[in-house]
Amino acid sequence: MGKSCSYSSKKKREDLARAALMRKQKYQERTNELGAKLQKLATLTETLLRSQDLIGEY
C-alpha cells in the first residue's frame, strides 16, 4: 500500500508540473502575441502623429 500511495503521489505531482509548464508556455505565447500587437500599435501611432504634424504645417 505504501508504494502504491507513493506512486500515486508522484504521478499527481508530475501531472501538476506538466500542467504548470503547459500554462507557462501558453502565457509566453500570449505575451509574444501581445508584444507584437503593441509594437504594431506603437508604429501606427507614430505614423498617425507624423501625419497630423504634416497636415498641421499646411
N, C-alpha and C. Protein backbone atom coordinates (compact mmCIF):
# COMPACT_ATOMS: atom_id res chain seq x y z
N MET A 1 0.82 -1.20 0.00
CA MET A 1 0.00 0.00 0.00
C MET A 1 0.87 1.26 0.00
N GLY A 2 1.98 1.24 0.69
CA GLY A 2 2.86 2.39 0.76
C GLY A 2 3.41 2.77 -0.58
N LYS A 3 3.83 1.77 -1.38
CA LYS A 3 4.37 2.06 -2.70
C LYS A 3 3.30 2.60 -3.63
N SER A 4 2.11 2.05 -3.54
CA SER A 4 1.02 2.49 -4.39
C SER A 4 0.67 3.95 -4.10
N CYS A 5 0.63 4.28 -2.84
CA CYS A 5 0.32 5.66 -2.44
C CYS A 5 1.43 6.61 -2.87
N SER A 6 2.67 6.16 -2.74
CA SER A 6 3.81 6.97 -3.13
C SER A 6 3.81 7.20 -4.64
N TYR A 7 3.51 6.13 -5.39
CA TYR A 7 3.45 6.24 -6.85
C TYR A 7 2.35 7.21 -7.26
N SER A 8 1.20 7.10 -6.62
CA SER A 8 0.07 7.98 -6.92
C SER A 8 0.43 9.43 -6.63
N SER A 9 1.12 9.64 -5.52
CA SER A 9 1.54 10.99 -5.13
C SER A 9 2.52 11.55 -6.15
N LYS A 10 3.47 10.72 -6.56
CA LYS A 10 4.48 11.15 -7.53
C LYS A 10 3.82 11.44 -8.88
N LYS A 11 2.90 10.59 -9.28
CA LYS A 11 2.19 10.78 -10.54
C LYS A 11 1.41 12.10 -10.52
N LYS A 12 0.75 12.38 -9.40
CA LYS A 12 -0.02 13.61 -9.28
C LYS A 12 0.88 14.84 -9.37
N ARG A 13 2.04 14.78 -8.72
CA ARG A 13 2.99 15.90 -8.79
C ARG A 13 3.50 16.10 -10.21
N GLU A 14 3.75 14.98 -10.91
CA GLU A 14 4.21 15.10 -12.29
C GLU A 14 3.13 15.72 -13.17
N ASP A 15 1.89 15.30 -12.93
CA ASP A 15 0.77 15.87 -13.69
C ASP A 15 0.64 17.37 -13.42
N LEU A 16 0.78 17.76 -12.17
CA LEU A 16 0.69 19.18 -11.81
C LEU A 16 1.83 19.97 -12.44
N ALA A 17 3.02 19.40 -12.42
CA ALA A 17 4.18 20.07 -13.02
C ALA A 17 3.99 20.22 -14.52
N ARG A 18 3.49 19.17 -15.17
CA ARG A 18 3.26 19.21 -16.61
C ARG A 18 2.21 20.29 -16.94
N ALA A 19 1.15 20.34 -16.16
CA ALA A 19 0.11 21.34 -16.38
C ALA A 19 0.66 22.75 -16.19
N ALA A 20 1.52 22.92 -15.18
CA ALA A 20 2.13 24.24 -14.94
C ALA A 20 3.01 24.65 -16.11
N LEU A 21 3.76 23.71 -16.66
CA LEU A 21 4.62 24.02 -17.81
C LEU A 21 3.78 24.37 -19.04
N MET A 22 2.67 23.69 -19.20
CA MET A 22 1.79 23.99 -20.33
C MET A 22 1.19 25.39 -20.19
N ARG A 23 0.78 25.74 -18.97
CA ARG A 23 0.26 27.09 -18.73
C ARG A 23 1.33 28.13 -18.98
N LYS A 24 2.54 27.84 -18.52
CA LYS A 24 3.65 28.78 -18.72
C LYS A 24 3.89 29.01 -20.22
N GLN A 25 3.88 27.93 -21.00
CA GLN A 25 4.09 28.05 -22.44
C GLN A 25 2.97 28.86 -23.08
N LYS A 26 1.73 28.60 -22.66
CA LYS A 26 0.58 29.33 -23.21
C LYS A 26 0.70 30.81 -22.90
N TYR A 27 1.07 31.14 -21.66
CA TYR A 27 1.20 32.54 -21.27
C TYR A 27 2.35 33.21 -22.01
N GLN A 28 3.43 32.47 -22.27
CA GLN A 28 4.56 33.03 -23.01
C GLN A 28 4.15 33.34 -24.45
N GLU A 29 3.40 32.42 -25.04
CA GLU A 29 2.92 32.65 -26.41
C GLU A 29 2.00 33.88 -26.46
N ARG A 30 1.14 34.00 -25.48
CA ARG A 30 0.22 35.14 -25.42
C ARG A 30 1.00 36.45 -25.22
N THR A 31 2.03 36.39 -24.38
CA THR A 31 2.88 37.56 -24.16
C THR A 31 3.55 37.98 -25.47
N ASN A 32 4.03 37.01 -26.23
CA ASN A 32 4.66 37.32 -27.51
C ASN A 32 3.66 37.94 -28.49
N GLU A 33 2.45 37.37 -28.52
CA GLU A 33 1.41 37.92 -29.40
C GLU A 33 1.07 39.36 -29.03
N LEU A 34 0.88 39.60 -27.75
CA LEU A 34 0.53 40.95 -27.29
C LEU A 34 1.69 41.92 -27.52
N GLY A 35 2.91 41.45 -27.36
CA GLY A 35 4.07 42.30 -27.62
C GLY A 35 4.12 42.73 -29.08
N ALA A 36 3.82 41.79 -29.97
CA ALA A 36 3.81 42.11 -31.40
C ALA A 36 2.70 43.11 -31.71
N LYS A 37 1.53 42.91 -31.11
CA LYS A 37 0.43 43.86 -31.33
C LYS A 37 0.76 45.23 -30.78
N LEU A 38 1.40 45.27 -29.63
CA LEU A 38 1.79 46.55 -29.04
C LEU A 38 2.78 47.28 -29.94
N GLN A 39 3.73 46.55 -30.49
CA GLN A 39 4.71 47.15 -31.39
C GLN A 39 4.01 47.72 -32.63
N LYS A 40 3.05 46.96 -33.15
CA LYS A 40 2.32 47.44 -34.33
C LYS A 40 1.53 48.70 -33.99
N LEU A 41 0.88 48.71 -32.84
CA LEU A 41 0.13 49.90 -32.43
C LEU A 41 1.05 51.10 -32.22
N ALA A 42 2.22 50.86 -31.67
CA ALA A 42 3.18 51.95 -31.47
C ALA A 42 3.60 52.54 -32.81
N THR A 43 3.83 51.68 -33.78
CA THR A 43 4.21 52.13 -35.12
C THR A 43 3.08 52.92 -35.77
N LEU A 44 1.86 52.40 -35.65
CA LEU A 44 0.71 53.11 -36.23
C LEU A 44 0.50 54.47 -35.56
N THR A 45 0.67 54.51 -34.25
CA THR A 45 0.53 55.78 -33.53
C THR A 45 1.58 56.78 -33.98
N GLU A 46 2.79 56.30 -34.13
CA GLU A 46 3.88 57.17 -34.57
C GLU A 46 3.58 57.73 -35.97
N THR A 47 3.10 56.87 -36.85
CA THR A 47 2.75 57.29 -38.21
C THR A 47 1.62 58.30 -38.19
N LEU A 48 0.62 58.07 -37.37
CA LEU A 48 -0.51 58.99 -37.25
C LEU A 48 -0.05 60.36 -36.75
N LEU A 49 0.79 60.37 -35.74
CA LEU A 49 1.28 61.63 -35.20
C LEU A 49 2.09 62.41 -36.24
N ARG A 50 2.91 61.69 -36.99
CA ARG A 50 3.69 62.36 -38.05
C ARG A 50 2.76 62.94 -39.11
N SER A 51 1.72 62.17 -39.46
CA SER A 51 0.75 62.65 -40.47
C SER A 51 0.04 63.89 -39.98
N GLN A 52 -0.34 63.90 -38.71
CA GLN A 52 -1.01 65.07 -38.16
C GLN A 52 -0.09 66.28 -38.18
N ASP A 53 1.18 66.05 -37.88
CA ASP A 53 2.14 67.15 -37.93
C ASP A 53 2.26 67.71 -39.35
N LEU A 54 2.28 66.83 -40.35
CA LEU A 54 2.39 67.27 -41.73
C LEU A 54 1.14 68.05 -42.14
N ILE A 55 -0.01 67.58 -41.75
CA ILE A 55 -1.27 68.26 -42.09
C ILE A 55 -1.30 69.63 -41.43
N GLY A 56 -0.81 69.70 -40.19
CA GLY A 56 -0.81 70.95 -39.45
C GLY A 56 0.10 72.00 -40.06
N GLU A 57 1.07 71.59 -40.85
CA GLU A 57 2.00 72.53 -41.48
C GLU A 57 1.37 73.28 -42.63
N TYR A 58 0.29 72.74 -43.21
CA TYR A 58 -0.32 73.38 -44.38
C TYR A 58 -1.27 74.47 -43.99
